């Protein structure tokens, strides 16, 4: 017979403590920070008209999908799901690659330089994404 006080499979015993819930909250902060970087907003002032509509909207669709995966993973981790940690790790890697591509002037390219505030936020988001990955791996028992 199963002990009724034992957690369900894939759940932690205390879903609101430890590295996974902390990683989940920080992942939500990361998504919120990235939302402030929308093109045409107060921080992202570069001109991307040279990309073309399909490339521009394809990149935006990727960023939206990345945010959806990150938010869904964070919410699931806050509810005690350990399996959602893999989605959080994937999303964090996605944010790392987006920042590296942008700061490395690989994609998206623009004739305008990266504004100082955008660069600073991206660097902070890069570090936050790495921290989310480390916390999630720790919460999953990998490190």
Protein backbone atom coordinates (compact mmCIF):
# COMPACT_ATOMS: atom_id res chain seq x y z
CA UNK A 1 0.00 0.00 0.00
CA UNK A 2 1.26 3.51 -0.84
CA UNK A 3 1.94 6.04 1.88
CA UNK A 4 -0.58 8.90 1.37
CA UNK A 5 1.96 11.45 2.59
CA UNK A 6 4.54 10.53 -0.05
CA UNK A 7 4.81 12.86 -3.03
CA UNK A 8 3.40 11.94 -6.41
CA UNK A 9 5.92 10.60 -8.94
CA UNK A 10 7.92 13.45 -10.46
CA UNK A 11 7.13 15.82 -7.58
CA UNK A 12 9.27 17.09 -4.75
CA UNK A 13 8.24 16.79 -1.12
CA UNK A 14 8.26 20.57 -0.58
CA UNK A 15 7.44 22.24 -3.92
CA UNK A 16 7.99 25.79 -2.63
CA UNK A 17 11.56 25.38 -1.39
CA UNK A 18 14.91 24.53 -2.90
CA UNK A 19 16.69 25.27 -6.15
CA UNK A 20 13.86 24.41 -8.56
CA UNK A 21 11.34 26.97 -7.30
CA UNK A 22 14.09 29.57 -7.12
CA UNK A 23 15.08 28.74 -10.70
CA UNK A 24 11.43 28.99 -11.73
CA UNK A 25 11.05 32.47 -10.27
CA UNK A 26 14.31 33.62 -11.85
CA UNK A 27 13.21 32.18 -15.19
CA UNK A 28 10.05 34.28 -14.98
CA UNK A 29 12.22 37.33 -14.21
CA UNK A 30 14.32 36.48 -17.27
CA UNK A 31 11.23 36.30 -19.49
CA UNK A 32 9.97 39.58 -18.07
CA UNK A 33 13.30 41.21 -18.73
CA UNK A 34 13.35 39.99 -22.33
CA UNK A 35 9.83 41.35 -22.90
CA UNK A 36 11.20 44.86 -22.31
CA UNK A 37 13.50 44.38 -25.32
CA UNK A 38 10.81 44.30 -28.01
CA UNK A 39 11.88 46.02 -31.25
CA UNK A 40 10.58 49.55 -31.48
CA UNK A 41 10.31 49.87 -27.72
CA UNK A 42 12.17 52.23 -25.46
CA UNK A 43 15.23 49.99 -25.14
CA UNK A 44 15.48 48.22 -28.53
CA UNK A 45 15.72 51.13 -30.96
CA UNK A 46 17.63 49.50 -33.81
CA UNK A 47 16.19 49.34 -37.33
CA UNK A 48 15.53 45.79 -38.52
CA UNK A 49 13.81 46.66 -41.80
CA UNK A 50 16.73 45.12 -43.70
CA UNK A 51 15.86 41.66 -42.38
CA UNK A 52 12.71 41.28 -44.44
CA UNK A 53 9.27 40.38 -43.15
CA UNK A 54 9.62 36.59 -43.08
CA UNK A 55 12.94 36.62 -41.21
CA UNK A 56 11.80 39.34 -38.79
CA UNK A 57 8.51 37.63 -37.94
CA UNK A 58 10.14 34.19 -37.89
CA UNK A 59 12.61 35.44 -35.28
CA UNK A 60 9.77 36.99 -33.29
CA UNK A 61 7.85 33.71 -33.46
CA UNK A 62 10.92 31.92 -32.10
CA UNK A 63 11.19 34.40 -29.23
CA UNK A 64 7.48 34.02 -28.42
CA UNK A 65 7.79 30.21 -28.45
CA UNK A 66 10.85 30.49 -26.21
CA UNK A 67 8.88 32.63 -23.75
CA UNK A 68 5.95 30.19 -23.77
CA UNK A 69 8.24 27.24 -23.01
CA UNK A 70 9.98 29.21 -20.27
CA UNK A 71 6.75 30.35 -18.59
CA UNK A 72 5.15 26.90 -18.83
CA UNK A 73 8.26 25.27 -17.38
CA UNK A 74 8.51 27.83 -14.59
CA UNK A 75 4.85 27.42 -13.61
CA UNK A 76 5.16 23.63 -13.65
CA UNK A 77 8.31 23.78 -11.52
CA UNK A 78 6.53 26.05 -9.04
CA UNK A 79 3.84 23.38 -8.83
CA UNK A 80 6.48 20.80 -7.98
CA UNK A 81 7.26 19.19 -11.34
CA UNK A 82 10.85 18.07 -11.65
CA UNK A 83 10.39 17.04 -15.29
CA UNK A 84 9.66 20.69 -16.20
CA UNK A 85 13.26 21.42 -15.25
CA UNK A 86 14.32 20.10 -18.64
CA UNK A 87 12.12 22.70 -20.34
CA UNK A 88 13.66 25.38 -18.11
CA UNK A 89 17.15 24.26 -19.09
CA UNK A 90 16.23 24.29 -22.79
CA UNK A 91 14.68 27.75 -22.48
CA UNK A 92 17.71 29.09 -20.60
CA UNK A 93 19.99 27.76 -23.35
CA UNK A 94 17.72 29.44 -25.90
CA UNK A 95 18.13 32.79 -24.15
CA UNK A 96 21.90 32.29 -23.94
CA UNK A 97 22.12 31.66 -27.68
CA UNK A 98 19.88 34.63 -28.53
CA UNK A 99 22.05 36.96 -26.45
CA UNK A 100 25.31 35.56 -27.85
CA UNK A 101 24.06 35.91 -31.42
CA UNK A 102 22.95 39.49 -30.83
CA UNK A 103 25.98 40.69 -28.88
CA UNK A 104 28.24 38.87 -31.35
CA UNK A 105 26.61 40.82 -34.20
CA UNK A 106 25.59 37.55 -35.89
CA UNK A 107 21.79 37.84 -35.84
CA UNK A 108 19.72 39.95 -36.03
CA UNK A 109 21.91 42.42 -37.85
CA UNK A 110 21.15 46.12 -38.02
CA UNK A 111 23.01 49.16 -39.32
CA UNK A 112 22.49 50.74 -35.88
CA UNK A 113 24.79 49.94 -32.97
CA UNK A 114 23.45 48.06 -29.96
CA UNK A 115 22.16 50.68 -27.49
CA UNK A 116 24.02 50.71 -24.18
CA UNK A 117 20.95 49.84 -22.08
CA UNK A 118 20.11 46.94 -24.40
CA UNK A 119 23.64 45.59 -24.15
CA UNK A 120 23.61 45.83 -20.36
CA UNK A 121 20.25 44.09 -20.05
CA UNK A 122 21.35 41.34 -22.43
CA UNK A 123 24.53 40.75 -20.42
CA UNK A 124 22.52 40.55 -17.20
CA UNK A 125 20.01 38.21 -18.90
CA UNK A 126 22.89 36.04 -20.10
CA UNK A 127 24.18 35.69 -16.53
CA UNK A 128 20.64 35.09 -15.23
CA UNK A 129 20.08 32.34 -17.80
CA UNK A 130 23.31 30.62 -16.76
CA UNK A 131 22.23 30.84 -13.12
CA UNK A 132 18.81 29.37 -13.95
CA UNK A 133 20.55 26.47 -15.70
CA UNK A 134 22.86 25.85 -12.74
CA UNK A 135 20.02 26.00 -10.21
CA UNK A 136 17.85 23.70 -12.30
CA UNK A 137 20.64 21.16 -12.76
CA UNK A 138 21.25 21.31 -9.03
CA UNK A 139 17.56 20.83 -8.29
CA UNK A 140 17.52 17.80 -10.60
CA UNK A 141 20.51 16.36 -8.76
CA UNK A 142 22.98 16.68 -11.65
CA UNK A 143 25.45 18.87 -9.74
